Amino acid sequence: MKNFQLDKRLAKDCLVLGELDISLVLLMNNALLPWFILVPRVTMPDICDLDKDTQLVLYSEINEISNFVKAELDVEKLNVAAIGNIVKQLHVHIVGRKQSDYCWPNVVWGTNQKVCYSDEDVRKLVELLETRLGSIFKRSY
């Protein structure tokens, strides 16, 4: 989309893995738990601002990544949210949780614990995304 630019904070904290129809697929660079972020390539700040067709595509993409996380990444629960108090750009968090994760049962943001992904681990995740999602996922990592 014209005028779309990834927010600098998301670019700093995340790895851009690829693209879906309307969204960039980001991975929070913290290997302590699976934390994906979808960023629709739009300029509107909230899901309700999108036209109905775009909303449907976004919800489909959220479901695709959510199902991927549940099927491939050993989680017990998903946290899915479009929270934008600091980063105003529309983005949707999809976080896989389990009772043994580093901050259970608390929220994942605002903690200082971090382990960056290795290049090999990111490559494996991208390959899994390609296998699971097929041609709807276009890698950029």
N, C-alpha and C. Protein backbone atom coordinates (compact mmCIF):
# COMPACT_ATOMS: atom_id res chain seq x y z
N MET A 1 0.82 -1.19 0.00
CA MET A 1 0.00 0.00 0.00
C MET A 1 0.86 1.24 0.00
N LYS A 2 0.48 2.20 -0.77
CA LYS A 2 1.19 3.48 -0.81
C LYS A 2 1.12 4.13 0.57
N ASN A 3 2.20 4.76 0.98
CA ASN A 3 2.33 5.44 2.27
C ASN A 3 2.53 4.49 3.45
N PHE A 4 2.55 3.18 3.22
CA PHE A 4 2.77 2.24 4.32
C PHE A 4 4.25 2.19 4.64
N GLN A 5 4.56 2.29 5.93
CA GLN A 5 5.93 2.14 6.40
C GLN A 5 5.86 1.47 7.77
N LEU A 6 6.65 0.44 7.97
CA LEU A 6 6.65 -0.28 9.23
C LEU A 6 7.15 0.64 10.34
N ASP A 7 6.42 0.66 11.44
CA ASP A 7 6.80 1.48 12.60
C ASP A 7 8.22 1.11 13.05
N LYS A 8 9.00 2.11 13.40
CA LYS A 8 10.40 1.91 13.77
C LYS A 8 10.56 1.01 14.99
N ARG A 9 9.64 1.08 15.92
CA ARG A 9 9.74 0.22 17.11
C ARG A 9 9.51 -1.23 16.76
N LEU A 10 8.56 -1.50 15.87
CA LEU A 10 8.35 -2.88 15.43
C LEU A 10 9.56 -3.38 14.65
N ALA A 11 10.10 -2.53 13.79
CA ALA A 11 11.28 -2.92 13.00
C ALA A 11 12.48 -3.22 13.91
N LYS A 12 12.59 -2.49 15.01
CA LYS A 12 13.71 -2.67 15.93
C LYS A 12 13.57 -3.96 16.75
N ASP A 13 12.35 -4.27 17.17
CA ASP A 13 12.13 -5.41 18.08
C ASP A 13 11.86 -6.73 17.38
N CYS A 14 11.54 -6.68 16.08
CA CYS A 14 11.05 -7.87 15.39
C CYS A 14 11.89 -8.21 14.16
N LEU A 15 11.71 -9.44 13.70
CA LEU A 15 12.27 -9.91 12.44
C LEU A 15 11.13 -10.01 11.44
N VAL A 16 11.32 -9.49 10.24
CA VAL A 16 10.30 -9.60 9.21
C VAL A 16 10.52 -10.93 8.51
N LEU A 17 9.57 -11.86 8.70
CA LEU A 17 9.69 -13.20 8.12
C LEU A 17 9.17 -13.28 6.70
N GLY A 18 8.10 -12.52 6.41
CA GLY A 18 7.50 -12.59 5.09
C GLY A 18 6.21 -11.81 5.03
N GLU A 19 5.39 -12.17 4.03
CA GLU A 19 4.14 -11.47 3.79
C GLU A 19 3.01 -12.44 3.53
N LEU A 20 1.83 -12.02 3.93
CA LEU A 20 0.59 -12.66 3.52
C LEU A 20 -0.10 -11.68 2.57
N ASP A 21 -1.34 -11.92 2.25
CA ASP A 21 -2.04 -11.07 1.29
C ASP A 21 -1.99 -9.60 1.66
N ILE A 22 -2.36 -9.26 2.90
CA ILE A 22 -2.35 -7.84 3.27
C ILE A 22 -1.38 -7.52 4.40
N SER A 23 -0.79 -8.52 5.03
CA SER A 23 0.01 -8.27 6.23
C SER A 23 1.46 -8.70 6.09
N LEU A 24 2.33 -7.96 6.77
CA LEU A 24 3.68 -8.42 7.02
C LEU A 24 3.61 -9.41 8.18
N VAL A 25 4.42 -10.44 8.14
CA VAL A 25 4.50 -11.42 9.23
C VAL A 25 5.81 -11.17 9.96
N LEU A 26 5.69 -10.71 11.21
CA LEU A 26 6.85 -10.41 12.02
C LEU A 26 6.99 -11.45 13.13
N LEU A 27 8.19 -11.62 13.61
CA LEU A 27 8.48 -12.47 14.75
C LEU A 27 9.19 -11.61 15.79
N MET A 28 8.60 -11.51 16.98
CA MET A 28 9.28 -10.79 18.06
C MET A 28 10.59 -11.52 18.31
N ASN A 29 11.68 -10.79 18.34
CA ASN A 29 12.99 -11.42 18.47
C ASN A 29 13.27 -11.77 19.93
N ASN A 30 12.46 -12.70 20.43
CA ASN A 30 12.62 -13.24 21.77
C ASN A 30 12.21 -14.71 21.73
N ALA A 31 13.19 -15.58 21.72
CA ALA A 31 12.94 -17.01 21.55
C ALA A 31 12.38 -17.68 22.80
N LEU A 32 12.09 -16.91 23.84
CA LEU A 32 11.53 -17.50 25.05
C LEU A 32 10.09 -17.98 24.86
N LEU A 33 9.41 -17.48 23.83
CA LEU A 33 8.08 -17.97 23.47
C LEU A 33 7.74 -17.53 22.06
N PRO A 34 6.83 -18.27 21.39
CA PRO A 34 6.47 -17.90 20.02
C PRO A 34 5.55 -16.68 20.01
N TRP A 35 6.04 -15.60 19.42
CA TRP A 35 5.32 -14.32 19.44
C TRP A 35 5.38 -13.72 18.05
N PHE A 36 4.30 -13.88 17.32
CA PHE A 36 4.19 -13.35 15.97
C PHE A 36 3.37 -12.07 16.00
N ILE A 37 3.64 -11.21 15.04
CA ILE A 37 2.88 -9.97 14.90
C ILE A 37 2.53 -9.80 13.43
N LEU A 38 1.25 -9.63 13.16
CA LEU A 38 0.79 -9.31 11.81
C LEU A 38 0.61 -7.81 11.71
N VAL A 39 1.16 -7.22 10.66
CA VAL A 39 1.02 -5.78 10.44
C VAL A 39 0.38 -5.58 9.07
N PRO A 40 -0.92 -5.30 9.04
CA PRO A 40 -1.56 -5.03 7.75
C PRO A 40 -0.93 -3.81 7.09
N ARG A 41 -0.72 -3.89 5.80
CA ARG A 41 -0.11 -2.78 5.07
C ARG A 41 -1.20 -1.75 4.73
N VAL A 42 -1.68 -1.10 5.79
CA VAL A 42 -2.70 -0.06 5.68
C VAL A 42 -2.27 1.12 6.54
N THR A 43 -2.95 2.22 6.40
CA THR A 43 -2.62 3.39 7.21
C THR A 43 -3.62 3.63 8.34
N MET A 44 -4.71 2.88 8.38
CA MET A 44 -5.70 3.04 9.43
C MET A 44 -5.18 2.44 10.74
N PRO A 45 -5.52 3.06 11.87
CA PRO A 45 -4.97 2.59 13.15
C PRO A 45 -5.72 1.45 13.82
N ASP A 46 -6.97 1.19 13.42
CA ASP A 46 -7.77 0.19 14.13
C ASP A 46 -8.50 -0.72 13.14
N ILE A 47 -8.77 -1.95 13.58
CA ILE A 47 -9.44 -2.92 12.72
C ILE A 47 -10.80 -2.40 12.27
N CYS A 48 -11.53 -1.71 13.15
CA CYS A 48 -12.85 -1.21 12.79
C CYS A 48 -12.80 -0.15 11.69
N ASP A 49 -11.62 0.43 11.44
CA ASP A 49 -11.46 1.42 10.38
C ASP A 49 -11.35 0.79 8.99
N LEU A 50 -11.06 -0.51 8.95
CA LEU A 50 -10.90 -1.20 7.68
C LEU A 50 -12.25 -1.51 7.07
N ASP A 51 -12.31 -1.56 5.73
CA ASP A 51 -13.56 -1.98 5.11
C ASP A 51 -13.77 -3.46 5.40
N LYS A 52 -14.99 -3.92 5.24
CA LYS A 52 -15.36 -5.29 5.63
C LYS A 52 -14.53 -6.35 4.92
N ASP A 53 -14.26 -6.16 3.63
CA ASP A 53 -13.46 -7.15 2.90
C ASP A 53 -12.05 -7.25 3.46
N THR A 54 -11.45 -6.12 3.78
CA THR A 54 -10.10 -6.11 4.35
C THR A 54 -10.11 -6.72 5.75
N GLN A 55 -11.15 -6.45 6.52
CA GLN A 55 -11.28 -7.08 7.83
C GLN A 55 -11.32 -8.60 7.71
N LEU A 56 -12.09 -9.09 6.75
CA LEU A 56 -12.20 -10.54 6.56
C LEU A 56 -10.85 -11.16 6.19
N VAL A 57 -10.10 -10.49 5.33
CA VAL A 57 -8.77 -10.99 4.96
C VAL A 57 -7.86 -10.99 6.18
N LEU A 58 -7.89 -9.91 6.95
CA LEU A 58 -7.05 -9.84 8.15
C LEU A 58 -7.42 -10.94 9.13
N TYR A 59 -8.70 -11.15 9.39
CA TYR A 59 -9.10 -12.22 10.32
C TYR A 59 -8.68 -13.59 9.80
N SER A 60 -8.73 -13.79 8.50
CA SER A 60 -8.27 -15.05 7.92
C SER A 60 -6.77 -15.22 8.17
N GLU A 61 -6.01 -14.15 8.01
CA GLU A 61 -4.56 -14.22 8.25
C GLU A 61 -4.27 -14.48 9.72
N ILE A 62 -5.02 -13.85 10.61
CA ILE A 62 -4.87 -14.11 12.05
C ILE A 62 -5.12 -15.59 12.33
N ASN A 63 -6.16 -16.14 11.74
CA ASN A 63 -6.46 -17.57 11.93
C ASN A 63 -5.36 -18.45 11.38
N GLU A 64 -4.82 -18.12 10.23
CA GLU A 64 -3.73 -18.93 9.64
C GLU A 64 -2.52 -18.98 10.58
N ILE A 65 -2.10 -17.82 11.07
CA ILE A 65 -0.93 -17.79 11.95
C ILE A 65 -1.26 -18.43 13.30
N SER A 66 -2.46 -18.19 13.81
CA SER A 66 -2.87 -18.81 15.08
C SER A 66 -2.86 -20.33 14.96
N ASN A 67 -3.43 -20.86 13.90
CA ASN A 67 -3.43 -22.31 13.69
C ASN A 67 -2.03 -22.86 13.51
N PHE A 68 -1.18 -22.11 12.84
CA PHE A 68 0.23 -22.50 12.69
C PHE A 68 0.89 -22.63 14.06
N VAL A 69 0.73 -21.62 14.90
CA VAL A 69 1.36 -21.63 16.23
C VAL A 69 0.84 -22.81 17.05
N LYS A 70 -0.47 -23.05 17.03
CA LYS A 70 -1.04 -24.16 17.80
C LYS A 70 -0.56 -25.51 17.28
N ALA A 71 -0.46 -25.66 15.97
CA ALA A 71 -0.10 -26.95 15.39
C ALA A 71 1.39 -27.25 15.46
N GLU A 72 2.21 -26.23 15.36
CA GLU A 72 3.65 -26.46 15.16
C GLU A 72 4.54 -26.10 16.36
N LEU A 73 4.03 -25.34 17.34
CA LEU A 73 4.96 -24.76 18.30
C LEU A 73 4.68 -25.08 19.77
N ASP A 74 4.01 -26.18 20.05
CA ASP A 74 3.87 -26.69 21.41
C ASP A 74 3.39 -25.63 22.40
N VAL A 75 2.18 -25.14 22.18
CA VAL A 75 1.59 -24.17 23.10
C VAL A 75 0.30 -24.72 23.68
N GLU A 76 -0.10 -24.17 24.82
CA GLU A 76 -1.36 -24.57 25.47
C GLU A 76 -2.47 -23.57 25.20
N LYS A 77 -2.11 -22.32 24.95
CA LYS A 77 -3.09 -21.24 24.84
C LYS A 77 -2.54 -20.17 23.92
N LEU A 78 -3.43 -19.51 23.20
CA LEU A 78 -3.04 -18.37 22.37
C LEU A 78 -3.54 -17.08 23.00
N ASN A 79 -2.72 -16.06 22.96
CA ASN A 79 -3.14 -14.69 23.27
C ASN A 79 -3.11 -13.94 21.96
N VAL A 80 -4.26 -13.42 21.53
CA VAL A 80 -4.36 -12.67 20.27
C VAL A 80 -4.95 -11.32 20.60
N ALA A 81 -4.23 -10.24 20.21
CA ALA A 81 -4.71 -8.90 20.55
C ALA A 81 -4.16 -7.86 19.59
N ALA A 82 -4.99 -6.86 19.36
CA ALA A 82 -4.57 -5.68 18.58
C ALA A 82 -4.48 -4.52 19.57
N ILE A 83 -3.37 -4.45 20.26
CA ILE A 83 -3.16 -3.42 21.27
C ILE A 83 -2.20 -2.40 20.68
N GLY A 84 -2.55 -1.14 20.74
CA GLY A 84 -1.68 -0.13 20.13
C GLY A 84 -1.56 1.12 20.95
N ASN A 85 -1.23 0.98 22.22
CA ASN A 85 -1.09 2.16 23.06
C ASN A 85 0.23 2.88 22.81
N ILE A 86 1.29 2.16 22.57
CA ILE A 86 2.60 2.77 22.32
C ILE A 86 2.85 2.82 20.82
N VAL A 87 2.71 1.69 20.14
CA VAL A 87 2.85 1.64 18.67
C VAL A 87 1.45 1.83 18.10
N LYS A 88 1.21 2.97 17.53
CA LYS A 88 -0.13 3.31 17.02
C LYS A 88 -0.48 2.56 15.74
N GLN A 89 0.53 2.12 14.99
CA GLN A 89 0.29 1.40 13.74
C GLN A 89 -0.51 0.13 14.03
N LEU A 90 -1.51 -0.14 13.20
CA LEU A 90 -2.31 -1.35 13.38
C LEU A 90 -1.41 -2.58 13.30
N HIS A 91 -1.47 -3.39 14.33
CA HIS A 91 -0.73 -4.65 14.37
C HIS A 91 -1.43 -5.60 15.33
N VAL A 92 -1.31 -6.90 15.05
CA VAL A 92 -2.00 -7.91 15.84
C VAL A 92 -0.97 -8.89 16.40
N HIS A 93 -0.95 -9.00 17.72
CA HIS A 93 -0.06 -9.94 18.40
C HIS A 93 -0.71 -11.32 18.43
N ILE A 94 0.08 -12.34 18.12
CA ILE A 94 -0.35 -13.73 18.26
C ILE A 94 0.75 -14.42 19.05
N VAL A 95 0.46 -14.69 20.31
CA VAL A 95 1.47 -15.19 21.24
C VAL A 95 1.05 -16.57 21.75
N GLY A 96 1.94 -17.53 21.58
CA GLY A 96 1.72 -18.87 22.12
C GLY A 96 2.18 -18.93 23.56
N ARG A 97 1.28 -19.41 24.43
CA ARG A 97 1.60 -19.46 25.87
C ARG A 97 1.48 -20.89 26.39
N LYS A 98 2.22 -21.15 27.45
CA LYS A 98 2.06 -22.38 28.22
C LYS A 98 2.53 -22.11 29.64
N GLN A 99 2.08 -22.94 30.55
CA GLN A 99 2.33 -22.68 31.97
C GLN A 99 3.81 -22.64 32.31
N SER A 100 4.65 -23.25 31.50
CA SER A 100 6.08 -23.25 31.80
C SER A 100 6.83 -22.07 31.16
N ASP A 101 6.12 -21.14 30.48
CA ASP A 101 6.86 -20.04 29.87
C ASP A 101 7.35 -19.05 30.92
N TYR A 102 8.28 -18.22 30.54
CA TYR A 102 9.04 -17.39 31.46
C TYR A 102 8.23 -16.37 32.26
N CYS A 103 7.05 -16.02 31.81
CA CYS A 103 6.29 -15.00 32.55
C CYS A 103 4.85 -15.41 32.84
N TRP A 104 4.55 -16.70 32.69
CA TRP A 104 3.21 -17.22 32.98
C TRP A 104 2.85 -16.90 34.43
N PRO A 105 1.67 -16.47 34.74
CA PRO A 105 0.53 -16.20 33.87
C PRO A 105 0.43 -14.73 33.46
N ASN A 106 1.48 -13.98 33.70
CA ASN A 106 1.47 -12.54 33.43
C ASN A 106 1.59 -12.22 31.94
N VAL A 107 1.45 -10.96 31.60
CA VAL A 107 1.57 -10.53 30.21
C VAL A 107 3.02 -10.63 29.75
N VAL A 108 3.21 -10.72 28.44
CA VAL A 108 4.55 -10.89 27.89
C VAL A 108 5.27 -9.57 27.66
N TRP A 109 4.53 -8.48 27.45
CA TRP A 109 5.21 -7.21 27.18
C TRP A 109 5.64 -6.56 28.48
N GLY A 110 6.70 -5.80 28.37
CA GLY A 110 7.21 -5.07 29.52
C GLY A 110 8.18 -5.85 30.39
N THR A 111 8.51 -7.06 30.00
CA THR A 111 9.48 -7.84 30.77
C THR A 111 10.87 -7.65 30.16
N ASN A 112 11.88 -7.85 30.98
CA ASN A 112 13.25 -7.65 30.51
C ASN A 112 13.92 -8.93 30.05
N GLN A 113 13.30 -10.08 30.26
CA GLN A 113 13.91 -11.33 29.87
C GLN A 113 13.85 -11.49 28.35
N LYS A 114 15.00 -11.83 27.77
CA LYS A 114 15.05 -11.94 26.31
C LYS A 114 16.18 -12.85 25.89
N VAL A 115 15.88 -13.70 24.92
CA VAL A 115 16.89 -14.52 24.24
C VAL A 115 16.62 -14.36 22.75
N CYS A 116 17.56 -13.78 22.03
CA CYS A 116 17.37 -13.57 20.59
C CYS A 116 17.40 -14.90 19.84
N TYR A 117 16.63 -14.97 18.77
CA TYR A 117 16.62 -16.15 17.91
C TYR A 117 17.94 -16.26 17.17
N SER A 118 18.40 -17.49 16.97
CA SER A 118 19.54 -17.73 16.10
C SER A 118 19.04 -17.69 14.65
N ASP A 119 19.93 -17.43 13.72
CA ASP A 119 19.55 -17.43 12.30
C ASP A 119 18.98 -18.79 11.90
N GLU A 120 19.56 -19.86 12.44
CA GLU A 120 19.09 -21.21 12.12
C GLU A 120 17.66 -21.43 12.61
N ASP A 121 17.36 -20.98 13.82
CA ASP A 121 16.00 -21.13 14.35
C ASP A 121 14.99 -20.33 13.52
N VAL A 122 15.38 -19.16 13.08
CA VAL A 122 14.49 -18.35 12.24
C VAL A 122 14.27 -19.04 10.89
N ARG A 123 15.33 -19.56 10.30
CA ARG A 123 15.19 -20.29 9.03
C ARG A 123 14.23 -21.47 9.17
N LYS A 124 14.33 -22.20 10.27
CA LYS A 124 13.43 -23.34 10.51
C LYS A 124 11.98 -22.88 10.62
N LEU A 125 11.74 -21.78 11.33
CA LEU A 125 10.38 -21.25 11.45
C LEU A 125 9.83 -20.83 10.09
N VAL A 126 10.66 -20.18 9.30
CA VAL A 126 10.23 -19.74 7.96
C VAL A 126 9.90 -20.96 7.10
N GLU A 127 10.72 -21.98 7.17
CA GLU A 127 10.44 -23.21 6.40
C GLU A 127 9.14 -23.85 6.86
N LEU A 128 8.90 -23.87 8.17
CA LEU A 128 7.63 -24.40 8.68
C LEU A 128 6.44 -23.58 8.18
N LEU A 129 6.59 -22.25 8.17
CA LEU A 129 5.52 -21.39 7.65
C LEU A 129 5.26 -21.69 6.18
N GLU A 130 6.31 -21.84 5.41
CA GLU A 130 6.14 -22.14 3.98
C GLU A 130 5.44 -23.48 3.79
N THR A 131 5.83 -24.47 4.57
CA THR A 131 5.21 -25.79 4.46
C THR A 131 3.75 -25.75 4.85
N ARG A 132 3.46 -25.12 5.97
CA ARG A 132 2.09 -25.09 6.50
C ARG A 132 1.16 -24.19 5.68
N LEU A 133 1.65 -23.00 5.29
CA LEU A 133 0.79 -22.02 4.63
C LEU A 133 0.86 -22.06 3.11
N GLY A 134 1.88 -22.70 2.58
CA GLY A 134 1.99 -22.81 1.13
C GLY A 134 2.19 -21.47 0.45
N SER A 135 1.54 -21.31 -0.67
CA SER A 135 1.78 -20.14 -1.52
C SER A 135 1.21 -18.84 -0.95
N ILE A 136 0.39 -18.91 0.12
CA ILE A 136 -0.11 -17.64 0.68
C ILE A 136 0.96 -16.91 1.47
N PHE A 137 2.05 -17.63 1.84
CA PHE A 137 3.15 -17.03 2.58
C PHE A 137 4.32 -16.80 1.63
N LYS A 138 4.77 -15.57 1.57
CA LYS A 138 5.92 -15.23 0.75
C LYS A 138 7.05 -14.79 1.68
N ARG A 139 8.09 -15.59 1.70
CA ARG A 139 9.19 -15.33 2.64
C ARG A 139 9.97 -14.09 2.25
N SER A 140 10.51 -13.42 3.27
CA SER A 140 11.44 -12.33 3.04
C SER A 140 12.68 -12.48 3.90
N TYR A 141 12.71 -13.49 4.76
CA TYR A 141 13.87 -13.71 5.62
C TYR A 141 14.78 -14.74 4.96
